[in-house]
């Protein structure tokens, strides 16, 4: 179990990313955001930014049970169906 700097236990969770038609697990993508070119692509991406799914990583959120601090980790590949990048 991961520990917070205050000594409390970090509880794993996630931050939902709400698009216009669905919610996904949040992802991390390197670089700066750029707009998707077509309206259809913007709808598929859930808001308008272009995402390179080969470079996207699933974002884990760990919350301290003692102080409430949230720590984010981007280490795992995106799972199919969990984000607009999949």
C-alpha atoms as a PDB file:
ATOM      1  CA  UNK A   1       0.000   0.000   0.000  1.00  0.00           C
ATOM      2  CA  UNK A   2       1.321   3.435  -0.955  1.00  0.00           C
ATOM      3  CA  UNK A   3       1.762   6.000   1.802  1.00  0.00           C
ATOM      4  CA  UNK A   4       1.245   9.764   1.756  1.00  0.00           C
ATOM      5  CA  UNK A   5       3.904  12.157   3.095  1.00  0.00           C
ATOM      6  CA  UNK A   6       1.716  12.616   6.209  1.00  0.00           C
ATOM      7  CA  UNK A   7       1.837   8.849   6.874  1.00  0.00           C
ATOM      8  CA  UNK A   8      -1.758   8.102   5.827  1.00  0.00           C
ATOM      9  CA  UNK A   9      -2.632   5.317   3.407  1.00  0.00           C
ATOM     10  CA  UNK A  10      -3.288   6.212  -0.243  1.00  0.00           C
ATOM     11  CA  UNK A  11      -6.526   4.752  -1.566  1.00  0.00           C
ATOM     12  CA  UNK A  12      -6.594   4.125  -5.335  1.00  0.00           C
ATOM     13  CA  UNK A  13      -9.402   5.635  -7.398  1.00  0.00           C
ATOM     14  CA  UNK A  14      -9.913   7.567 -10.610  1.00  0.00           C
ATOM     15  CA  UNK A  15     -11.166  10.909 -11.882  1.00  0.00           C
ATOM     16  CA  UNK A  16     -13.988  10.556 -14.411  1.00  0.00           C
ATOM     17  CA  UNK A  17     -13.718  12.643 -17.561  1.00  0.00           C
ATOM     18  CA  UNK A  18     -17.225  13.656 -18.641  1.00  0.00           C
ATOM     19  CA  UNK A  19     -17.721  14.137 -22.373  1.00  0.00           C
ATOM     20  CA  UNK A  20     -20.891  15.093 -24.194  1.00  0.00           C
ATOM     21  CA  UNK A  21     -22.162  11.511 -24.492  1.00  0.00           C
ATOM     22  CA  UNK A  22     -20.299   9.454 -21.887  1.00  0.00           C
ATOM     23  CA  UNK A  23     -17.788   9.414 -19.035  1.00  0.00           C
ATOM     24  CA  UNK A  24     -14.310   7.877 -19.268  1.00  0.00           C
ATOM     25  CA  UNK A  25     -11.350   7.353 -16.982  1.00  0.00           C
ATOM     26  CA  UNK A  26      -9.022  10.340 -17.302  1.00  0.00           C
ATOM     27  CA  UNK A  27      -5.839   9.943 -19.350  1.00  0.00           C
ATOM     28  CA  UNK A  28      -2.460  11.679 -19.543  1.00  0.00           C
ATOM     29  CA  UNK A  29      -1.004  12.655 -22.929  1.00  0.00           C
ATOM     30  CA  UNK A  30       2.440  14.226 -23.504  1.00  0.00           C
ATOM     31  CA  UNK A  31       2.786  17.618 -25.160  1.00  0.00           C
ATOM     32  CA  UNK A  32       0.298  20.447 -25.570  1.00  0.00           C
ATOM     33  CA  UNK A  33      -3.387  20.133 -26.526  1.00  0.00           C
ATOM     34  CA  UNK A  34      -4.471  20.783 -30.094  1.00  0.00           C
ATOM     35  CA  UNK A  35      -7.980  20.835 -31.487  1.00  0.00           C
ATOM     36  CA  UNK A  36      -9.309  17.843 -33.391  1.00  0.00           C
ATOM     37  CA  UNK A  37      -9.831  18.746 -37.035  1.00  0.00           C
ATOM     38  CA  UNK A  38     -13.366  17.547 -37.723  1.00  0.00           C
ATOM     39  CA  UNK A  39     -16.611  17.854 -35.757  1.00  0.00           C
ATOM     40  CA  UNK A  40     -16.887  14.031 -35.669  1.00  0.00           C
ATOM     41  CA  UNK A  41     -13.379  13.726 -34.236  1.00  0.00           C
ATOM     42  CA  UNK A  42     -14.182  16.371 -31.603  1.00  0.00           C
ATOM     43  CA  UNK A  43     -17.296  14.400 -30.575  1.00  0.00           C
ATOM     44  CA  UNK A  44     -15.315  11.144 -30.376  1.00  0.00           C
ATOM     45  CA  UNK A  45     -12.647  12.845 -28.265  1.00  0.00           C
ATOM     46  CA  UNK A  46     -15.342  14.117 -25.877  1.00  0.00           C
ATOM     47  CA  UNK A  47     -14.519  17.797 -26.108  1.00  0.00           C
ATOM     48  CA  UNK A  48     -12.349  18.806 -28.966  1.00  0.00           C
ATOM     49  CA  UNK A  49      -8.684  18.020 -28.317  1.00  0.00           C
ATOM     50  CA  UNK A  50      -6.747  15.623 -30.494  1.00  0.00           C
ATOM     51  CA  UNK A  51      -5.297  12.616 -28.642  1.00  0.00           C
ATOM     52  CA  UNK A  52      -2.594  10.222 -29.842  1.00  0.00           C
ATOM     53  CA  UNK A  53      -3.869   6.995 -28.315  1.00  0.00           C
ATOM     54  CA  UNK A  54      -0.480   5.306 -28.727  1.00  0.00           C
ATOM     55  CA  UNK A  55       1.092   7.792 -26.287  1.00  0.00           C
ATOM     56  CA  UNK A  56      -1.824   8.096 -23.834  1.00  0.00           C
ATOM     57  CA  UNK A  57      -1.534   6.631 -20.330  1.00  0.00           C
ATOM     58  CA  UNK A  58      -4.306   5.847 -17.869  1.00  0.00           C
ATOM     59  CA  UNK A  59      -4.334   8.322 -14.985  1.00  0.00           C
ATOM     60  CA  UNK A  60      -4.610   6.818 -11.496  1.00  0.00           C
ATOM     61  CA  UNK A  61      -5.700   9.021  -8.605  1.00  0.00           C
ATOM     62  CA  UNK A  62      -4.666   8.033  -5.069  1.00  0.00           C
ATOM     63  CA  UNK A  63      -6.304   9.891  -2.163  1.00  0.00           C
ATOM     64  CA  UNK A  64      -4.859   9.984   1.334  1.00  0.00           C
ATOM     65  CA  UNK A  65      -7.306   8.578   3.877  1.00  0.00           C
ATOM     66  CA  UNK A  66      -5.824  10.860   6.542  1.00  0.00           C
ATOM     67  CA  UNK A  67      -5.248  14.335   5.017  1.00  0.00           C
ATOM     68  CA  UNK A  68      -7.188  14.109   1.725  1.00  0.00           C
ATOM     69  CA  UNK A  69      -4.244  14.913  -0.564  1.00  0.00           C
ATOM     70  CA  UNK A  70      -4.641  13.467  -4.076  1.00  0.00           C
ATOM     71  CA  UNK A  71      -1.626  12.142  -5.971  1.00  0.00           C
ATOM     72  CA  UNK A  72      -1.834  11.344  -9.686  1.00  0.00           C
ATOM     73  CA  UNK A  73       0.151   8.617 -11.446  1.00  0.00           C
ATOM     74  CA  UNK A  74       0.349   7.937 -15.196  1.00  0.00           C
ATOM     75  CA  UNK A  75       2.062   4.564 -15.542  1.00  0.00           C
ATOM     76  CA  UNK A  76      -0.416   2.166 -17.160  1.00  0.00           C
ATOM     77  CA  UNK A  77      -1.545   1.940 -20.782  1.00  0.00           C
ATOM     78  CA  UNK A  78      -5.096   3.052 -21.539  1.00  0.00           C
ATOM     79  CA  UNK A  79      -7.576   0.171 -21.431  1.00  0.00           C
ATOM     80  CA  UNK A  80      -9.940  -0.163 -24.397  1.00  0.00           C
ATOM     81  CA  UNK A  81     -13.256   1.548 -23.717  1.00  0.00           C
ATOM     82  CA  UNK A  82     -12.103   3.598 -20.731  1.00  0.00           C
ATOM     83  CA  UNK A  83     -11.356   6.861 -22.527  1.00  0.00           C
ATOM     84  CA  UNK A  84     -11.974   8.706 -25.764  1.00  0.00           C
ATOM     85  CA  UNK A  85      -8.419   7.717 -26.759  1.00  0.00           C
ATOM     86  CA  UNK A  86      -9.293   4.020 -26.931  1.00  0.00           C
END
